[in-house]
Structures are given as C-alpha cells and as structure tokens.
Amino acid sequence: CQKLGKKPETFTFLGFTHYCSQSRNGRFRV
C-alpha cells in the first residue's frame, strides 16, 4: 500500500479498530 501511495485497510473486532503500523524502531506492528 505504501508503494501505491494509499493506506492499508482496517477492520473492527470486539469494539477495537485494528490497523497496520510500526514500532519506534520501524518494525511492523498491529
């Protein structure tokens, strides 16, 4: 998605919206 210049999709489960992100050192995080 970053290569295409758009944000990844999100989904909601048990009242929380889950989204793709990263930690302070750049590692992938949900």
Full PDB file with SEQRES, HELIX, SHEET, SSBOND, CRYST1, ORIGX, SCALE, CONECT and MASTER records, all heavy atoms in Angstrom:
SEQRES   1 A   30  CYS GLN LYS LEU GLY LYS LYS PRO GLU THR PHE THR PHE          
SEQRES   2 A   30  LEU GLY PHE THR HIS TYR CYS SER GLN SER ARG ASN GLY          
SEQRES   3 A   30  ARG PHE ARG VAL                                              
SHEET    1 AA1 2 PHE A  11  PHE A  13  0                                        
SHEET    2 AA1 2 PHE A  16  HIS A  18 -1                                        
SHEET    1 AA2 2 SER A  21  GLN A  22  0                                        
SHEET    2 AA2 2 PHE A  28  ARG A  29 -1                                        
CRYST1    1.000    1.000    1.000  90.00  90.00  90.00 P 1           1          
ORIGX1      1.000000  0.000000  0.000000        0.00000                         
ORIGX2      0.000000  1.000000  0.000000        0.00000                         
ORIGX3      0.000000  0.000000  1.000000        0.00000                         
SCALE1      1.000000  0.000000  0.000000        0.00000                         
SCALE2      0.000000  1.000000  0.000000        0.00000                         
SCALE3      0.000000  0.000000  1.000000        0.00000                         
ATOM      1  N   CYS A   1       0.827  -1.207   0.000  1.00  0.00           N  
ATOM      2  CA  CYS A   1       0.000   0.000   0.000  1.00  0.00           C  
ATOM      3  C   CYS A   1       0.864   1.261   0.000  1.00  0.00           C  
ATOM      4  O   CYS A   1       0.519   2.264  -0.635  1.00  0.00           O  
ATOM      5  CB  CYS A   1      -0.928  -0.002   1.211  1.00  0.00           C  
ATOM      6  SG  CYS A   1      -2.301  -1.172   1.078  1.00  0.00           S  
ATOM      7  N   GLN A   2       1.979   1.217   0.703  1.00  0.00           N  
ATOM      8  CA  GLN A   2       2.884   2.360   0.722  1.00  0.00           C  
ATOM      9  C   GLN A   2       3.440   2.638  -0.672  1.00  0.00           C  
ATOM     10  O   GLN A   2       3.581   3.788  -1.085  1.00  0.00           O  
ATOM     11  CB  GLN A   2       4.021   2.114   1.713  1.00  0.00           C  
ATOM     12  CG  GLN A   2       3.601   2.269   3.172  1.00  0.00           C  
ATOM     13  CD  GLN A   2       4.722   1.954   4.141  1.00  0.00           C  
ATOM     14  OE1 GLN A   2       5.662   1.223   3.824  1.00  0.00           O  
ATOM     15  NE2 GLN A   2       4.626   2.495   5.349  1.00  0.00           N  
ATOM     16  N   LYS A   3       3.753   1.575  -1.418  1.00  0.00           N  
ATOM     17  CA  LYS A   3       4.251   1.745  -2.781  1.00  0.00           C  
ATOM     18  C   LYS A   3       3.191   2.374  -3.677  1.00  0.00           C  
ATOM     19  O   LYS A   3       3.507   3.132  -4.596  1.00  0.00           O  
ATOM     20  CB  LYS A   3       4.672   0.389  -3.349  1.00  0.00           C  
ATOM     21  CG  LYS A   3       5.952  -0.167  -2.745  1.00  0.00           C  
ATOM     22  CD  LYS A   3       6.317  -1.493  -3.385  1.00  0.00           C  
ATOM     23  CE  LYS A   3       7.598  -2.059  -2.756  1.00  0.00           C  
ATOM     24  NZ  LYS A   3       7.945  -3.385  -3.344  1.00  0.00           N  
ATOM     25  N   LEU A   4       1.921   2.030  -3.408  1.00  0.00           N  
ATOM     26  CA  LEU A   4       0.819   2.572  -4.215  1.00  0.00           C  
ATOM     27  C   LEU A   4       0.327   3.919  -3.702  1.00  0.00           C  
ATOM     28  O   LEU A   4      -0.582   4.518  -4.284  1.00  0.00           O  
ATOM     29  CB  LEU A   4      -0.348   1.573  -4.231  1.00  0.00           C  
ATOM     30  CG  LEU A   4      -0.064   0.218  -4.883  1.00  0.00           C  
ATOM     31  CD1 LEU A   4      -1.227  -0.738  -4.658  1.00  0.00           C  
ATOM     32  CD2 LEU A   4       0.188   0.389  -6.378  1.00  0.00           C  
ATOM     33  N   GLY A   5       0.908   4.361  -2.586  1.00  0.00           N  
ATOM     34  CA  GLY A   5       0.540   5.656  -2.028  1.00  0.00           C  
ATOM     35  C   GLY A   5      -0.815   5.691  -1.350  1.00  0.00           C  
ATOM     36  O   GLY A   5      -1.500   6.714  -1.346  1.00  0.00           O  
ATOM     37  N   LYS A   6      -1.224   4.573  -0.774  1.00  0.00           N  
ATOM     38  CA  LYS A   6      -2.501   4.532  -0.065  1.00  0.00           C  
ATOM     39  C   LYS A   6      -2.331   3.829   1.273  1.00  0.00           C  
ATOM     40  O   LYS A   6      -1.324   3.165   1.528  1.00  0.00           O  
ATOM     41  CB  LYS A   6      -3.568   3.823  -0.899  1.00  0.00           C  
ATOM     42  CG  LYS A   6      -3.259   2.364  -1.192  1.00  0.00           C  
ATOM     43  CD  LYS A   6      -4.388   1.725  -1.992  1.00  0.00           C  
ATOM     44  CE  LYS A   6      -4.130   0.225  -2.189  1.00  0.00           C  
ATOM     45  NZ  LYS A   6      -5.231  -0.424  -2.946  1.00  0.00           N  
ATOM     46  N   LYS A   7      -3.326   3.982   2.126  1.00  0.00           N  
ATOM     47  CA  LYS A   7      -3.274   3.370   3.446  1.00  0.00           C  
ATOM     48  C   LYS A   7      -3.832   1.950   3.404  1.00  0.00           C  
ATOM     49  O   LYS A   7      -4.793   1.676   2.667  1.00  0.00           O  
ATOM     50  CB  LYS A   7      -4.082   4.196   4.451  1.00  0.00           C  
ATOM     51  CG  LYS A   7      -3.453   5.522   4.827  1.00  0.00           C  
ATOM     52  CD  LYS A   7      -4.271   6.205   5.901  1.00  0.00           C  
ATOM     53  CE  LYS A   7      -3.615   7.510   6.352  1.00  0.00           C  
ATOM     54  NZ  LYS A   7      -4.405   8.174   7.427  1.00  0.00           N  
ATOM     55  N   PRO A   8      -3.281   1.030   4.212  1.00  0.00           N  
ATOM     56  CA  PRO A   8      -3.851  -0.325   4.296  1.00  0.00           C  
ATOM     57  C   PRO A   8      -5.246  -0.271   4.920  1.00  0.00           C  
ATOM     58  O   PRO A   8      -5.561   0.642   5.694  1.00  0.00           O  
ATOM     59  CB  PRO A   8      -2.873  -1.067   5.215  1.00  0.00           C  
ATOM     60  CG  PRO A   8      -1.650  -0.231   5.279  1.00  0.00           C  
ATOM     61  CD  PRO A   8      -2.087   1.179   5.051  1.00  0.00           C  
ATOM     62  N   GLU A   9      -6.070  -1.237   4.579  1.00  0.00           N  
ATOM     63  CA  GLU A   9      -7.417  -1.293   5.148  1.00  0.00           C  
ATOM     64  C   GLU A   9      -7.359  -1.664   6.626  1.00  0.00           C  
ATOM     65  O   GLU A   9      -6.364  -2.214   7.116  1.00  0.00           O  
ATOM     66  CB  GLU A   9      -8.268  -2.316   4.399  1.00  0.00           C  
ATOM     67  CG  GLU A   9      -8.627  -1.884   2.988  1.00  0.00           C  
ATOM     68  CD  GLU A   9      -9.666  -2.793   2.369  1.00  0.00           C  
ATOM     69  OE1 GLU A   9     -10.869  -2.612   2.661  1.00  0.00           O  
ATOM     70  OE2 GLU A   9      -9.267  -3.701   1.604  1.00  0.00           O  
ATOM     71  N   THR A  10      -8.423  -1.375   7.329  1.00  0.00           N  
ATOM     72  CA  THR A  10      -8.555  -1.712   8.747  1.00  0.00           C  
ATOM     73  C   THR A  10      -9.771  -2.610   8.935  1.00  0.00           C  
ATOM     74  O   THR A  10     -10.606  -2.744   8.039  1.00  0.00           O  
ATOM     75  CB  THR A  10      -8.723  -0.449   9.600  1.00  0.00           C  
ATOM     76  OG1 THR A  10      -9.981   0.191   9.260  1.00  0.00           O  
ATOM     77  CG2 THR A  10      -7.585   0.542   9.367  1.00  0.00           C  
ATOM     78  N   PHE A  11      -9.880  -3.223  10.112  1.00  0.00           N  
ATOM     79  CA  PHE A  11     -11.078  -3.990  10.438  1.00  0.00           C  
ATOM     80  C   PHE A  11     -11.372  -3.840  11.929  1.00  0.00           C  
ATOM     81  O   PHE A  11     -10.487  -3.503  12.719  1.00  0.00           O  
ATOM     82  CB  PHE A  11     -10.928  -5.468  10.066  1.00  0.00           C  
ATOM     83  CG  PHE A  11      -9.930  -6.223  10.898  1.00  0.00           C  
ATOM     84  CD1 PHE A  11     -10.326  -6.954  12.011  1.00  0.00           C  
ATOM     85  CD2 PHE A  11      -8.576  -6.217  10.567  1.00  0.00           C  
ATOM     86  CE1 PHE A  11      -9.406  -7.655  12.785  1.00  0.00           C  
ATOM     87  CE2 PHE A  11      -7.649  -6.919  11.323  1.00  0.00           C  
ATOM     88  CZ  PHE A  11      -8.066  -7.637  12.434  1.00  0.00           C  
ATOM     89  N   THR A  12     -12.614  -4.064  12.286  1.00  0.00           N  
ATOM     90  CA  THR A  12     -13.056  -3.895  13.669  1.00  0.00           C  
ATOM     91  C   THR A  12     -13.440  -5.245  14.259  1.00  0.00           C  
ATOM     92  O   THR A  12     -14.153  -6.036  13.630  1.00  0.00           O  
ATOM     93  CB  THR A  12     -14.248  -2.929  13.746  1.00  0.00           C  
ATOM     94  OG1 THR A  12     -13.846  -1.656  13.241  1.00  0.00           O  
ATOM     95  CG2 THR A  12     -14.722  -2.759  15.184  1.00  0.00           C  
ATOM     96  N   PHE A  13     -12.948  -5.492  15.472  1.00  0.00           N  
ATOM     97  CA  PHE A  13     -13.240  -6.743  16.177  1.00  0.00           C  
ATOM     98  C   PHE A  13     -13.320  -6.445  17.668  1.00  0.00           C  
ATOM     99  O   PHE A  13     -12.410  -5.843  18.236  1.00  0.00           O  
ATOM    100  CB  PHE A  13     -12.143  -7.774  15.882  1.00  0.00           C  
ATOM    101  CG  PHE A  13     -12.350  -9.121  16.525  1.00  0.00           C  
ATOM    102  CD1 PHE A  13     -13.458  -9.890  16.236  1.00  0.00           C  
ATOM    103  CD2 PHE A  13     -11.412  -9.632  17.420  1.00  0.00           C  
ATOM    104  CE1 PHE A  13     -13.641 -11.142  16.818  1.00  0.00           C  
ATOM    105  CE2 PHE A  13     -11.581 -10.878  18.004  1.00  0.00           C  
ATOM    106  CZ  PHE A  13     -12.701 -11.633  17.699  1.00  0.00           C  
ATOM    107  N   LEU A  14     -14.442  -6.808  18.286  1.00  0.00           N  
ATOM    108  CA  LEU A  14     -14.671  -6.643  19.725  1.00  0.00           C  
ATOM    109  C   LEU A  14     -14.531  -5.184  20.179  1.00  0.00           C  
ATOM    110  O   LEU A  14     -14.016  -4.899  21.257  1.00  0.00           O  
ATOM    111  CB  LEU A  14     -13.724  -7.546  20.524  1.00  0.00           C  
ATOM    112  CG  LEU A  14     -13.881  -9.051  20.272  1.00  0.00           C  
ATOM    113  CD1 LEU A  14     -12.893  -9.841  21.114  1.00  0.00           C  
ATOM    114  CD2 LEU A  14     -15.309  -9.504  20.564  1.00  0.00           C  
ATOM    115  N   GLY A  15     -14.993  -4.267  19.336  1.00  0.00           N  
ATOM    116  CA  GLY A  15     -15.017  -2.856  19.723  1.00  0.00           C  
ATOM    117  C   GLY A  15     -13.739  -2.097  19.440  1.00  0.00           C  
ATOM    118  O   GLY A  15     -13.642  -0.907  19.747  1.00  0.00           O  
ATOM    119  N   PHE A  16     -12.740  -2.767  18.844  1.00  0.00           N  
ATOM    120  CA  PHE A  16     -11.469  -2.126  18.518  1.00  0.00           C  
ATOM    121  C   PHE A  16     -11.244  -2.149  17.002  1.00  0.00           C  
ATOM    122  O   PHE A  16     -11.481  -3.167  16.352  1.00  0.00           O  
ATOM    123  CB  PHE A  16     -10.298  -2.851  19.189  1.00  0.00           C  
ATOM    124  CG  PHE A  16     -10.295  -2.750  20.684  1.00  0.00           C  
ATOM    125  CD1 PHE A  16     -10.900  -3.730  21.457  1.00  0.00           C  
ATOM    126  CD2 PHE A  16      -9.688  -1.681  21.329  1.00  0.00           C  
ATOM    127  CE1 PHE A  16     -10.902  -3.647  22.849  1.00  0.00           C  
ATOM    128  CE2 PHE A  16      -9.685  -1.589  22.719  1.00  0.00           C  
ATOM    129  CZ  PHE A  16     -10.291  -2.571  23.477  1.00  0.00           C  
ATOM    130  N   THR A  17     -10.777  -1.026  16.475  1.00  0.00           N  
ATOM    131  CA  THR A  17     -10.357  -0.972  15.082  1.00  0.00           C  
ATOM    132  C   THR A  17      -8.873  -1.321  15.023  1.00  0.00           C  
ATOM    133  O   THR A  17      -8.045  -0.664  15.658  1.00  0.00           O  
ATOM    134  CB  THR A  17     -10.585   0.430  14.491  1.00  0.00           C  
ATOM    135  OG1 THR A  17     -11.982   0.712  14.503  1.00  0.00           O  
ATOM    136  CG2 THR A  17     -10.069   0.507  13.058  1.00  0.00           C  
ATOM    137  N   HIS A  18      -8.543  -2.362  14.265  1.00  0.00           N  
ATOM    138  CA  HIS A  18      -7.163  -2.839  14.152  1.00  0.00           C  
ATOM    139  C   HIS A  18      -6.556  -2.272  12.870  1.00  0.00           C  
ATOM    140  O   HIS A  18      -7.178  -2.343  11.804  1.00  0.00           O  
ATOM    141  CB  HIS A  18      -7.139  -4.369  14.132  1.00  0.00           C  
ATOM    142  CG  HIS A  18      -7.750  -4.983  15.352  1.00  0.00           C  
ATOM    143  ND1 HIS A  18      -7.004  -5.551  16.353  1.00  0.00           N  
ATOM    144  CD2 HIS A  18      -9.050  -5.106  15.738  1.00  0.00           C  
ATOM    145  CE1 HIS A  18      -7.804  -6.004  17.298  1.00  0.00           C  
ATOM    146  NE2 HIS A  18      -9.055  -5.742  16.948  1.00  0.00           N  
ATOM    147  N   TYR A  19      -5.334  -1.755  12.965  1.00  0.00           N  
ATOM    148  CA  TYR A  19      -4.707  -1.132  11.798  1.00  0.00           C  
ATOM    149  C   TYR A  19      -3.207  -1.422  11.774  1.00  0.00           C  
ATOM    150  O   TYR A  19      -2.581  -1.674  12.812  1.00  0.00           O  
ATOM    151  CB  TYR A  19      -4.962   0.375  11.788  1.00  0.00           C  
ATOM    152  CG  TYR A  19      -4.427   1.140  12.982  1.00  0.00           C  
ATOM    153  CD1 TYR A  19      -3.194   1.791  12.923  1.00  0.00           C  
ATOM    154  CD2 TYR A  19      -5.163   1.227  14.167  1.00  0.00           C  
ATOM    155  CE1 TYR A  19      -2.699   2.495  14.010  1.00  0.00           C  
ATOM    156  CE2 TYR A  19      -4.679   1.927  15.263  1.00  0.00           C  
ATOM    157  CZ  TYR A  19      -3.453   2.568  15.172  1.00  0.00           C  
ATOM    158  OH  TYR A  19      -2.959   3.260  16.258  1.00  0.00           O  
ATOM    159  N   CYS A  20      -2.640  -1.387  10.571  1.00  0.00           N  
ATOM    160  CA  CYS A  20      -1.206  -1.641  10.391  1.00  0.00           C  
ATOM    161  C   CYS A  20      -0.406  -0.395  10.778  1.00  0.00           C  
ATOM    162  O   CYS A  20      -0.757   0.722  10.390  1.00  0.00           O  
ATOM    163  CB  CYS A  20      -0.908  -2.000   8.938  1.00  0.00           C  
ATOM    164  SG  CYS A  20      -1.680  -3.521   8.376  1.00  0.00           S  
ATOM    165  N   SER A  21       0.668  -0.617  11.530  1.00  0.00           N  
ATOM    166  CA  SER A  21       1.512   0.497  11.946  1.00  0.00           C  
ATOM    167  C   SER A  21       2.937  -0.018  12.114  1.00  0.00           C  
ATOM    168  O   SER A  21       3.294  -1.065  11.559  1.00  0.00           O  
ATOM    169  CB  SER A  21       0.964   1.103  13.247  1.00  0.00           C  
ATOM    170  OG  SER A  21       1.686   2.262  13.606  1.00  0.00           O  
ATOM    171  N   GLN A  22       3.731   0.703  12.894  1.00  0.00           N  
ATOM    172  CA  GLN A  22       5.098   0.269  13.149  1.00  0.00           C  
ATOM    173  C   GLN A  22       5.547   0.753  14.514  1.00  0.00           C  
ATOM    174  O   GLN A  22       4.981   1.691  15.085  1.00  0.00           O  
ATOM    175  CB  GLN A  22       6.046   0.777  12.065  1.00  0.00           C  
ATOM    176  CG  GLN A  22       6.140   2.288  11.977  1.00  0.00           C  
ATOM    177  CD  GLN A  22       7.014   2.735  10.809  1.00  0.00           C  
ATOM    178  OE1 GLN A  22       7.071   2.067   9.777  1.00  0.00           O  
ATOM    179  NE2 GLN A  22       7.690   3.863  10.974  1.00  0.00           N  
ATOM    180  N   SER A  23       6.577   0.089  15.051  1.00  0.00           N  
ATOM    181  CA  SER A  23       7.138   0.468  16.346  1.00  0.00           C  
ATOM    182  C   SER A  23       8.095   1.643  16.157  1.00  0.00           C  
ATOM    183  O   SER A  23       8.349   2.089  15.030  1.00  0.00           O  
ATOM    184  CB  SER A  23       7.881  -0.720  16.959  1.00  0.00           C  
ATOM    185  OG  SER A  23       8.985  -1.076  16.145  1.00  0.00           O  
ATOM    186  N   ARG A  24       8.648   2.121  17.248  1.00  0.00           N  
ATOM    187  CA  ARG A  24       9.567   3.261  17.176  1.00  0.00           C  
ATOM    188  C   ARG A  24      10.817   2.945  16.364  1.00  0.00           C  
ATOM    189  O   ARG A  24      11.414   3.848  15.765  1.00  0.00           O  
ATOM    190  CB  ARG A  24       9.961   3.689  18.591  1.00  0.00           C  
ATOM    191  CG  ARG A  24       8.811   4.304  19.375  1.00  0.00           C  
ATOM    192  CD  ARG A  24       9.235   4.640  20.793  1.00  0.00           C  
ATOM    193  NE  ARG A  24       8.115   5.194  21.563  1.00  0.00           N  
ATOM    194  CZ  ARG A  24       8.184   5.494  22.855  1.00  0.00           C  
ATOM    195  NH1 ARG A  24       9.321   5.295  23.529  1.00  0.00           N  
ATOM    196  NH2 ARG A  24       7.132   5.984  23.474  1.00  0.00           N  
ATOM    197  N   ASN A  25      11.218   1.680  16.364  1.00  0.00           N  
ATOM    198  CA  ASN A  25      12.412   1.318  15.590  1.00  0.00           C  
ATOM    199  C   ASN A  25      12.079   0.832  14.183  1.00  0.00           C  
ATOM    200  O   ASN A  25      12.935   0.274  13.485  1.00  0.00           O  
ATOM    201  CB  ASN A  25      13.235   0.255  16.332  1.00  0.00           C  
ATOM    202  CG  ASN A  25      12.436  -1.015  16.596  1.00  0.00           C  
ATOM    203  OD1 ASN A  25      11.352  -1.193  16.032  1.00  0.00           O  
ATOM    204  ND2 ASN A  25      12.954  -1.893  17.441  1.00  0.00           N  
ATOM    205  N   GLY A  26      10.836   1.052  13.764  1.00  0.00           N  
ATOM    206  CA  GLY A  26      10.453   0.754  12.383  1.00  0.00           C  
ATOM    207  C   GLY A  26       9.934  -0.639  12.115  1.00  0.00           C  
ATOM    208  O   GLY A  26       9.606  -0.967  10.972  1.00  0.00           O  
ATOM    209  N   ARG A  27       9.817  -1.470  13.135  1.00  0.00           N  
ATOM    210  CA  ARG A  27       9.296  -2.832  12.944  1.00  0.00           C  
ATOM    211  C   ARG A  27       7.786  -2.798  12.756  1.00  0.00           C  
ATOM    212  O   ARG A  27       7.086  -1.960  13.325  1.00  0.00           O  
ATOM    213  CB  ARG A  27       9.642  -3.703  14.142  1.00  0.00           C  
ATOM    214  CG  ARG A  27      11.108  -4.098  14.225  1.00  0.00           C  
ATOM    215  CD  ARG A  27      11.381  -4.854  15.519  1.00  0.00           C  
ATOM    216  NE  ARG A  27      10.461  -5.963  15.701  1.00  0.00           N  
ATOM    217  CZ  ARG A  27      10.244  -6.551  16.877  1.00  0.00           C  
ATOM    218  NH1 ARG A  27      10.852  -6.120  17.973  1.00  0.00           N  
ATOM    219  NH2 ARG A  27       9.413  -7.563  16.962  1.00  0.00           N  
ATOM    220  N   PHE A  28       7.281  -3.763  11.975  1.00  0.00           N  
ATOM    221  CA  PHE A  28       5.841  -3.851  11.743  1.00  0.00           C  
ATOM    222  C   PHE A  28       5.100  -4.126  13.045  1.00  0.00           C  
ATOM    223  O   PHE A  28       5.494  -4.981  13.830  1.00  0.00           O  
ATOM    224  CB  PHE A  28       5.531  -4.967  10.735  1.00  0.00           C  
ATOM    225  CG  PHE A  28       4.061  -5.246  10.580  1.00  0.00           C  
ATOM    226  CD1 PHE A  28       3.237  -4.377   9.887  1.00  0.00           C  
ATOM    227  CD2 PHE A  28       3.486  -6.377  11.153  1.00  0.00           C  
ATOM    228  CE1 PHE A  28       1.879  -4.630   9.750  1.00  0.00           C  
ATOM    229  CE2 PHE A  28       2.136  -6.644  11.029  1.00  0.00           C  
ATOM    230  CZ  PHE A  28       1.329  -5.764  10.324  1.00  0.00           C  
ATOM    231  N   ARG A  29       4.021  -3.400  13.248  1.00  0.00           N  
ATOM    232  CA  ARG A  29       3.165  -3.592  14.425  1.00  0.00           C  
ATOM    233  C   ARG A  29       1.705  -3.480  14.010  1.00  0.00           C  
ATOM    234  O   ARG A  29       1.370  -2.725  13.098  1.00  0.00           O  
ATOM    235  CB  ARG A  29       3.438  -2.507  15.472  1.00  0.00           C  
ATOM    236  CG  ARG A  29       4.705  -2.669  16.290  1.00  0.00           C  
ATOM    237  CD  ARG A  29       4.478  -3.559  17.500  1.00  0.00           C  
ATOM    238  NE  ARG A  29       3.245  -3.250  18.198  1.00  0.00           N  
ATOM    239  CZ  ARG A  29       3.083  -2.214  19.047  1.00  0.00           C  
ATOM    240  NH1 ARG A  29       4.094  -1.410  19.311  1.00  0.00           N  
ATOM    241  NH2 ARG A  29       1.928  -2.023  19.650  1.00  0.00           N  
ATOM    242  N   VAL A  30       0.863  -4.228  14.671  1.00  0.00           N  
ATOM    243  CA  VAL A  30      -0.587  -4.033  14.559  1.00  0.00           C  
ATOM    244  C   VAL A  30      -1.026  -3.285  15.802  1.00  0.00           C  
ATOM    245  O   VAL A  30      -0.736  -3.711  16.924  1.00  0.00           O  
ATOM    246  CB  VAL A  30      -1.335  -5.378  14.450  1.00  0.00           C  
ATOM    247  CG1 VAL A  30      -2.844  -5.148  14.485  1.00  0.00           C  
ATOM    248  CG2 VAL A  30      -0.942  -6.102  13.174  1.00  0.00           C  
TER     249      VAL A  30                                                      
MASTER        0    0    0    0    4    0    0    6  248    1    0    3          
END                                                                             
